[in-house]
C-alpha atoms as a PDB file:
ATOM      1  CA  MET A   1     -27.384-136.317-121.866  1.00  0.00           C
ATOM      2  CA  ALA A   2     -28.288-132.703-121.320  1.00  0.00           C
ATOM      3  CA  THR A   3     -29.845-131.457-117.978  1.00  0.00           C
ATOM      4  CA  LYS A   4     -33.107-129.511-118.101  1.00  0.00           C
ATOM      5  CA  ILE A   5     -33.451-126.331-115.793  1.00  0.00           C
ATOM      6  CA  LYS A   6     -37.430-125.856-115.262  1.00  0.00           C
ATOM      7  CA  TYR A   7     -39.140-122.722-115.406  1.00  0.00           C
ATOM      8  CA  GLY A   8     -42.424-121.156-114.915  1.00  0.00           C
ATOM      9  CA  ILE A   9     -44.352-118.266-116.385  1.00  0.00           C
ATOM     10  CA  HIS A  10     -45.825-115.853-113.856  1.00  0.00           C
ATOM     11  CA  ARG A  11     -47.959-112.819-114.287  1.00  0.00           C
ATOM     12  CA  ASN A  12     -47.122-109.616-112.421  1.00  0.00           C
ATOM     13  CA  PRO A  13     -49.807-108.567-110.160  1.00  0.00           C
ATOM     14  CA  ILE A  14     -50.179-104.869-111.278  1.00  0.00           C
ATOM     15  CA  LEU A  15     -51.061-103.627-114.581  1.00  0.00           C
ATOM     16  CA  ASN A  16     -48.417-101.439-116.559  1.00  0.00           C
ATOM     17  CA  GLU A  17     -49.022 -97.900-117.767  1.00  0.00           C
ATOM     18  CA  GLU A  18     -50.748 -99.435-120.768  1.00  0.00           C
ATOM     19  CA  GLY A  19     -53.457-101.059-118.501  1.00  0.00           C
ATOM     20  CA  LYS A  20     -51.757-104.564-119.497  1.00  0.00           C
ATOM     21  CA  TYR A  21     -50.332-107.597-117.577  1.00  0.00           C
ATOM     22  CA  THR A  22     -46.647-108.268-117.714  1.00  0.00           C
ATOM     23  CA  TYR A  23     -45.168-111.499-117.323  1.00  0.00           C
ATOM     24  CA  GLN A  24     -41.741-113.009-115.995  1.00  0.00           C
ATOM     25  CA  VAL A  25     -40.074-116.306-115.898  1.00  0.00           C
ATOM     26  CA  ARG A  26     -39.061-117.717-112.551  1.00  0.00           C
ATOM     27  CA  LEU A  27     -36.924-120.860-111.845  1.00  0.00           C
ATOM     28  CA  GLU A  28     -38.913-123.824-110.461  1.00  0.00           C
ATOM     29  CA  PRO A  29     -36.602-125.953-108.398  1.00  0.00           C
ATOM     30  CA  SER A  30     -37.127-129.576-107.881  1.00  0.00           C
ATOM     31  CA  GLY A  31     -36.171-129.355-104.344  1.00  0.00           C
ATOM     32  CA  THR A  32     -33.219-128.267-102.128  1.00  0.00           C
ATOM     33  CA  PHE A  33     -30.011-130.187-101.624  1.00  0.00           C
ATOM     34  CA  LYS A  34     -28.667-129.462 -98.313  1.00  0.00           C
ATOM     35  CA  LEU A  35     -25.233-129.388 -96.723  1.00  0.00           C
ATOM     36  CA  GLU A  36     -26.349-132.479 -94.609  1.00  0.00           C
ATOM     37  CA  ASP A  37     -27.482-134.279 -97.947  1.00  0.00           C
ATOM     38  CA  PHE A  38     -23.814-133.880 -99.292  1.00  0.00           C
ATOM     39  CA  ILE A  39     -22.072-135.169 -95.874  1.00  0.00           C
ATOM     40  CA  ASP A  40     -24.263-138.013 -96.250  1.00  0.00           C
ATOM     41  CA  LYS A  41     -23.607-138.650 -99.629  1.00  0.00           C
ATOM     42  CA  LEU A  42     -19.993-138.867 -99.308  1.00  0.00           C
ATOM     43  CA  LYS A  43     -20.244-140.988 -96.171  1.00  0.00           C
ATOM     44  CA  SER A  44     -22.358-143.382 -98.126  1.00  0.00           C
ATOM     45  CA  THR A  45     -19.257-144.056-100.161  1.00  0.00           C
ATOM     46  CA  ASP A  46     -16.398-143.316 -97.613  1.00  0.00           C
ATOM     47  CA  ARG A  47     -17.282-142.629 -94.028  1.00  0.00           C
ATOM     48  CA  ALA A  48     -13.682-141.186 -93.426  1.00  0.00           C
ATOM     49  CA  LEU A  49     -13.975-138.760 -96.440  1.00  0.00           C
ATOM     50  CA  GLY A  50     -17.486-137.568 -95.224  1.00  0.00           C
ATOM     51  CA  ARG A  51     -16.191-136.877 -91.594  1.00  0.00           C
ATOM     52  CA  GLN A  52     -13.193-135.155 -93.308  1.00  0.00           C
ATOM     53  CA  ALA A  53     -15.200-132.943 -95.541  1.00  0.00           C
ATOM     54  CA  GLU A  54     -17.415-132.102 -92.447  1.00  0.00           C
ATOM     55  CA  THR A  55     -14.715-130.687 -90.691  1.00  0.00           C
ATOM     56  CA  ILE A  56     -13.248-128.693 -93.628  1.00  0.00           C
ATOM     57  CA  ILE A  57     -16.573-127.361 -94.251  1.00  0.00           C
ATOM     58  CA  GLN A  58     -17.307-125.949 -90.702  1.00  0.00           C
ATOM     59  CA  LEU A  59     -13.417-124.626 -90.957  1.00  0.00           C
ATOM     60  CA  LEU A  60     -14.165-122.757 -94.221  1.00  0.00           C
ATOM     61  CA  LYS A  61     -17.433-121.652 -92.736  1.00  0.00           C
ATOM     62  CA  GLN A  62     -15.367-120.024 -89.946  1.00  0.00           C
ATOM     63  CA  GLU A  63     -12.735-118.597 -92.145  1.00  0.00           C
ATOM     64  CA  VAL A  64     -15.265-117.061 -94.674  1.00  0.00           C
ATOM     65  CA  THR A  65     -17.076-115.393 -91.485  1.00  0.00           C
ATOM     66  CA  SER A  66     -13.639-114.095 -90.126  1.00  0.00           C
ATOM     67  CA  GLN A  67     -12.455-112.674 -93.333  1.00  0.00           C
ATOM     68  CA  LEU A  68     -15.640-110.824 -94.072  1.00  0.00           C
ATOM     69  CA  GLN A  69     -15.733-109.450 -90.676  1.00  0.00           C
ATOM     70  CA  ASP A  70     -12.209-108.132 -91.188  1.00  0.00           C
ATOM     71  CA  ASN A  71     -13.474-106.245 -94.277  1.00  0.00           C
ATOM     72  CA  MET A  72     -12.223-108.700 -96.908  1.00  0.00           C
ATOM     73  CA  ARG A  73     -13.658-110.300 -99.837  1.00  0.00           C
ATOM     74  CA  PHE A  74     -13.487-114.130-100.038  1.00  0.00           C
ATOM     75  CA  ARG A  75     -12.929-115.712-103.288  1.00  0.00           C
ATOM     76  CA  LEU A  76     -13.405-119.625-104.126  1.00  0.00           C
ATOM     77  CA  ASN A  77     -11.533-119.997-107.349  1.00  0.00           C
ATOM     78  CA  GLY A  78     -13.639-121.255-110.223  1.00  0.00           C
ATOM     79  CA  ILE A  79     -16.877-120.655-108.041  1.00  0.00           C
ATOM     80  CA  GLY A  80     -17.244-117.086-106.964  1.00  0.00           C
ATOM     81  CA  THR A  81     -16.587-114.093-104.278  1.00  0.00           C
ATOM     82  CA  PHE A  82     -18.460-113.345-101.127  1.00  0.00           C
ATOM     83  CA  GLN A  83     -18.393-109.975 -99.781  1.00  0.00           C
ATOM     84  CA  MET A  84     -20.315-107.995 -97.287  1.00  0.00           C
ATOM     85  CA  LYS A  85     -23.161-105.657 -98.398  1.00  0.00           C
ATOM     86  CA  VAL A  86     -23.808-102.290 -96.474  1.00  0.00           C
ATOM     87  CA  GLY A  87     -26.833 -99.684 -96.654  1.00  0.00           C
ATOM     88  CA  PHE A  88     -28.688 -97.313 -94.870  1.00  0.00           C
ATOM     89  CA  LYS A  89     -30.540 -98.162 -91.574  1.00  0.00           C
ATOM     90  CA  HIS A  90     -34.255 -98.496 -91.669  1.00  0.00           C
ATOM     91  CA  GLN A  91     -35.725 -95.937 -89.386  1.00  0.00           C
ATOM     92  CA  GLU A  92     -38.999 -95.114 -88.033  1.00  0.00           C
ATOM     93  CA  GLY A  93     -40.736 -92.133 -89.287  1.00  0.00           C
ATOM     94  CA  GLY A  94     -44.154 -90.564 -89.166  1.00  0.00           C
ATOM     95  CA  ARG A  95     -47.264 -92.519 -88.016  1.00  0.00           C
ATOM     96  CA  GLY A  96     -44.720 -95.479 -87.322  1.00  0.00           C
ATOM     97  CA  ARG A  97     -43.766 -96.060 -90.843  1.00  0.00           C
ATOM     98  CA  ILE A  98     -40.566 -97.688 -91.561  1.00  0.00           C
ATOM     99  CA  GLY A  99     -38.245 -96.633 -94.349  1.00  0.00           C
ATOM    100  CA  LYS A 100     -34.639 -96.093 -95.417  1.00  0.00           C
ATOM    101  CA  THR A 101     -33.135 -92.869 -94.201  1.00  0.00           C
ATOM    102  CA  HIS A 102     -32.433 -90.680 -97.326  1.00  0.00           C
ATOM    103  CA  PHE A 103     -29.615 -88.063 -97.699  1.00  0.00           C
ATOM    104  CA  THR A 104     -29.273 -84.884 -99.838  1.00  0.00           C
ATOM    105  CA  ASP A 105     -25.845 -83.934 -98.219  1.00  0.00           C
ATOM    106  CA  PRO A 106     -23.133 -86.438 -98.380  1.00  0.00           C
ATOM    107  CA  GLU A 107     -21.537 -84.814 -95.373  1.00  0.00           C
ATOM    108  CA  ALA A 108     -24.547 -85.614 -93.016  1.00  0.00           C
ATOM    109  CA  ILE A 109     -23.773 -89.487 -93.735  1.00  0.00           C
ATOM    110  CA  THR A 110     -22.124 -90.772 -90.661  1.00  0.00           C
ATOM    111  CA  ALA A 111     -21.436 -94.300 -89.512  1.00  0.00           C
ATOM    112  CA  ASP A 112     -24.535 -94.205 -87.143  1.00  0.00           C
ATOM    113  CA  ALA A 113     -26.764 -94.215 -90.199  1.00  0.00           C
ATOM    114  CA  VAL A 114     -25.022 -97.291 -91.893  1.00  0.00           C
ATOM    115  CA  GLU A 115     -25.351-100.957 -91.215  1.00  0.00           C
ATOM    116  CA  VAL A 116     -24.423-104.448 -92.688  1.00  0.00           C
ATOM    117  CA  THR A 117     -27.351-105.407 -94.728  1.00  0.00           C
ATOM    118  CA  GLY A 118     -26.282-108.729 -96.030  1.00  0.00           C
ATOM    119  CA  VAL A 119     -23.731-110.862 -97.962  1.00  0.00           C
ATOM    120  CA  SER A 120     -23.427-110.633-101.836  1.00  0.00           C
ATOM    121  CA  PHE A 121     -22.202-113.541-103.888  1.00  0.00           C
ATOM    122  CA  ILE A 122     -20.694-112.890-107.301  1.00  0.00           C
ATOM    123  CA  PRO A 123     -20.233-116.026-109.364  1.00  0.00           C
ATOM    124  CA  ASP A 124     -17.020-116.432-111.332  1.00  0.00           C
ATOM    125  CA  PRO A 125     -17.657-116.145-115.261  1.00  0.00           C
ATOM    126  CA  SER A 126     -15.969-119.714-115.354  1.00  0.00           C
ATOM    127  CA  PHE A 127     -18.666-121.228-113.016  1.00  0.00           C
ATOM    128  CA  ILE A 128     -21.440-119.760-115.184  1.00  0.00           C
ATOM    129  CA  ARG A 129     -20.130-121.140-118.166  1.00  0.00           C
ATOM    130  CA  LEU A 130     -19.609-124.505-116.391  1.00  0.00           C
ATOM    131  CA  LEU A 131     -23.237-124.442-115.392  1.00  0.00           C
ATOM    132  CA  LYS A 132     -24.364-123.735-118.876  1.00  0.00           C
ATOM    133  CA  GLN A 133     -22.780-126.812-120.231  1.00  0.00           C
ATOM    134  CA  ASP A 134     -24.796-129.415-121.643  1.00  0.00           C
ATOM    135  CA  MET A 135     -27.933-127.560-120.066  1.00  0.00           C
ATOM    136  CA  THR A 136     -31.365-126.770-121.535  1.00  0.00           C
ATOM    137  CA  VAL A 137     -34.410-125.116-120.299  1.00  0.00           C
ATOM    138  CA  GLU A 138     -38.203-126.467-120.467  1.00  0.00           C
ATOM    139  CA  SER A 139     -41.372-124.884-118.983  1.00  0.00           C
ATOM    140  CA  VAL A 140     -43.176-126.947-116.194  1.00  0.00           C
ATOM    141  CA  MET A 141     -46.473-125.571-117.353  1.00  0.00           C
ATOM    142  CA  GLU A 142     -48.548-126.534-120.381  1.00  0.00           C
ATOM    143  CA  THR A 143     -48.661-124.350-123.509  1.00  0.00           C
ATOM    144  CA  GLY A 144     -50.763-121.280-122.795  1.00  0.00           C
ATOM    145  CA  VAL A 145     -50.779-121.959-119.098  1.00  0.00           C
ATOM    146  CA  VAL A 146     -49.698-119.221-116.999  1.00  0.00           C
ATOM    147  CA  GLY A 147     -49.060-119.328-113.205  1.00  0.00           C
ATOM    148  CA  HIS A 148     -50.805-116.413-111.420  1.00  0.00           C
ATOM    149  CA  SER A 149     -52.770-115.550-108.105  1.00  0.00           C
ATOM    150  CA  ALA A 150     -56.327-114.694-107.952  1.00  0.00           C
ATOM    151  CA  ASN A 151     -57.471-111.970-110.476  1.00  0.00           C
ATOM    152  CA  HIS A 152     -58.167-108.769-108.591  1.00  0.00           C
ATOM    153  CA  SER A 153     -58.277-105.084-109.560  1.00  0.00           C
ATOM    154  CA  GLU A 154     -56.280-102.549-107.563  1.00  0.00           C
ATOM    155  CA  GLN A 155     -59.544-101.231-106.366  1.00  0.00           C
ATOM    156  CA  GLU A 156     -60.824-104.579-105.089  1.00  0.00           C
ATOM    157  CA  ILE A 157     -57.499-105.019-103.223  1.00  0.00           C
ATOM    158  CA  LEU A 158     -57.949-101.334-101.795  1.00  0.00           C
ATOM    159  CA  ASP A 159     -61.509-101.959-100.704  1.00  0.00           C
ATOM    160  CA  PHE A 160     -60.782-105.118 -98.871  1.00  0.00           C
ATOM    161  CA  LEU A 161     -57.781-103.796 -97.216  1.00  0.00           C
ATOM    162  CA  TYR A 162     -59.671-100.650 -96.217  1.00  0.00           C
ATOM    163  CA  GLN A 163     -62.408-102.563 -94.545  1.00  0.00           C
ATOM    164  CA  TYR A 164     -60.347-105.274 -92.957  1.00  0.00           C
ATOM    165  CA  ILE A 165     -58.114-102.561 -91.365  1.00  0.00           C
ATOM    166  CA  LYS A 166     -60.709-100.422 -90.447  1.00  0.00           C
ATOM    167  CA  THR A 167     -62.304-103.452 -88.497  1.00  0.00           C
ATOM    168  CA  HIS A 168     -59.036-105.055 -87.055  1.00  0.00           C
ATOM    169  CA  GLY A 169     -56.660-102.192 -87.085  1.00  0.00           C
ATOM    170  CA  SER A 170     -54.009-103.771 -89.025  1.00  0.00           C
ATOM    171  CA  ILE A 171     -53.152-106.782 -91.293  1.00  0.00           C
ATOM    172  CA  THR A 172     -50.234-108.907 -92.017  1.00  0.00           C
ATOM    173  CA  ARG A 173     -48.974-110.415 -95.215  1.00  0.00           C
ATOM    174  CA  GLN A 174     -50.050-114.007 -94.425  1.00  0.00           C
ATOM    175  CA  THR A 175     -53.606-113.003 -93.508  1.00  0.00           C
ATOM    176  CA  PHE A 176     -53.825-110.937 -96.658  1.00  0.00           C
ATOM    177  CA  THR A 177     -52.538-113.476 -99.068  1.00  0.00           C
ATOM    178  CA  THR A 178     -55.023-116.237 -97.457  1.00  0.00           C
ATOM    179  CA  ALA A 179     -58.059-114.000 -97.787  1.00  0.00           C
ATOM    180  CA  MET A 180     -57.315-112.710-101.175  1.00  0.00           C
ATOM    181  CA  GLY A 181     -56.241-116.286-102.574  1.00  0.00           C
ATOM    182  CA  LEU A 182     -52.905-114.662-103.451  1.00  0.00           C
ATOM    183  CA  THR A 183     -49.300-116.343-103.347  1.00  0.00           C
ATOM    184  CA  LYS A 184     -46.805-115.106-101.032  1.00  0.00           C
ATOM    185  CA  TYR A 185     -44.911-113.375-103.570  1.00  0.00           C
ATOM    186  CA  MET A 186     -48.051-111.754-105.110  1.00  0.00           C
ATOM    187  CA  GLY A 187     -49.338-110.926-101.731  1.00  0.00           C
ATOM    188  CA  GLN A 188     -46.047-109.125-100.755  1.00  0.00           C
ATOM    189  CA  LYS A 189     -45.791-107.223-103.955  1.00  0.00           C
ATOM    190  CA  TRP A 190     -49.151-105.658-103.647  1.00  0.00           C
ATOM    191  CA  LEU A 191     -48.747-104.531-100.167  1.00  0.00           C
ATOM    192  CA  ASP A 192     -45.181-103.272-100.559  1.00  0.00           C
ATOM    193  CA  ASP A 193     -46.226-101.490-103.665  1.00  0.00           C
ATOM    194  CA  LEU A 194     -49.363 -99.925-101.854  1.00  0.00           C
ATOM    195  CA  ALA A 195     -47.077 -98.866 -99.119  1.00  0.00           C
ATOM    196  CA  LYS A 196     -44.483 -97.096-101.027  1.00  0.00           C
ATOM    197  CA  ASP A 197     -47.320 -95.224-103.208  1.00  0.00           C
ATOM    198  CA  PRO A 198     -47.552 -91.805-101.398  1.00  0.00           C
ATOM    199  CA  GLN A 199     -51.380 -91.609-103.000  1.00  0.00           C
ATOM    200  CA  SER A 200     -52.093 -94.836-101.201  1.00  0.00           C
ATOM    201  CA  PRO A 201     -54.010 -94.933 -98.029  1.00  0.00           C
ATOM    202  CA  ILE A 202     -51.781 -97.912 -96.692  1.00  0.00           C
ATOM    203  CA  TYR A 203     -48.684 -97.845 -94.704  1.00  0.00           C
ATOM    204  CA  LYS A 204     -46.675-100.404 -93.026  1.00  0.00           C
ATOM    205  CA  GLU A 205     -45.083-100.479 -89.518  1.00  0.00           C
ATOM    206  CA  LYS A 206     -42.738-103.131 -88.225  1.00  0.00           C
ATOM    207  CA  ASP A 207     -43.135-104.770 -84.739  1.00  0.00           C
ATOM    208  CA  GLY A 208     -40.321-107.222 -83.985  1.00  0.00           C
ATOM    209  CA  ARG A 209     -39.701-109.188 -87.224  1.00  0.00           C
ATOM    210  CA  VAL A 210     -43.442-108.983 -88.655  1.00  0.00           C
ATOM    211  CA  PHE A 211     -44.818-105.770 -90.825  1.00  0.00           C
ATOM    212  CA  PHE A 212     -48.200-104.700 -90.161  1.00  0.00           C
ATOM    213  CA  TYR A 213     -49.933-102.863 -92.705  1.00  0.00           C
ATOM    214  CA  LYS A 214     -52.276-100.072 -91.484  1.00  0.00           C
ATOM    215  CA  LEU A 215     -54.340 -96.970 -92.653  1.00  0.00           C
ATOM    216  CA  LYS A 216     -52.817 -93.485 -92.770  1.00  0.00           C
ATOM    217  CA  ASP A 217     -54.537 -90.859 -90.645  1.00  0.00           C
END
């Protein structure tokens, strides 16, 4: 029996150059199967096997960490390859704005400007082929139904942000999304797009792990 991968259709929050909305499809997962669930599943049929798997997974985690820190890729044959990602550090610019460093001279790039930004996973083609076997896709929505946040024009968004920030000094993504009836994704996209726009009156400033959105001088 074929398995079904479920997707939803979502409208992007900002109009394109023709003044029209564009759409995207996103996976709508049924849940999250955690490592602990896998161990419990093994233990339910063979407790010894479950304990062995738990030990092996911990050793694997330690080895992946060690090899990546040693500037190596780590490949699991038939699954994929892990490797470190590097990029330029984010630095504070004018008016407390946070942004990536930009270079026009390659000789000016030193190790002080570079940091590890994450870990990438590149799936093996054979793994993708395996996943696609006996698989179909279906929408979780009724025909013609599109998932989206509350419908606001860019001017409505800017008016709200201007009045709120003028009164309170700044706004967070959580406050913005709640006030405007937006999803987390849509709210973040609105704020990020506005903060990147040189013509926008909005910029972002990081305090600890939280970004605050403020008005330019």
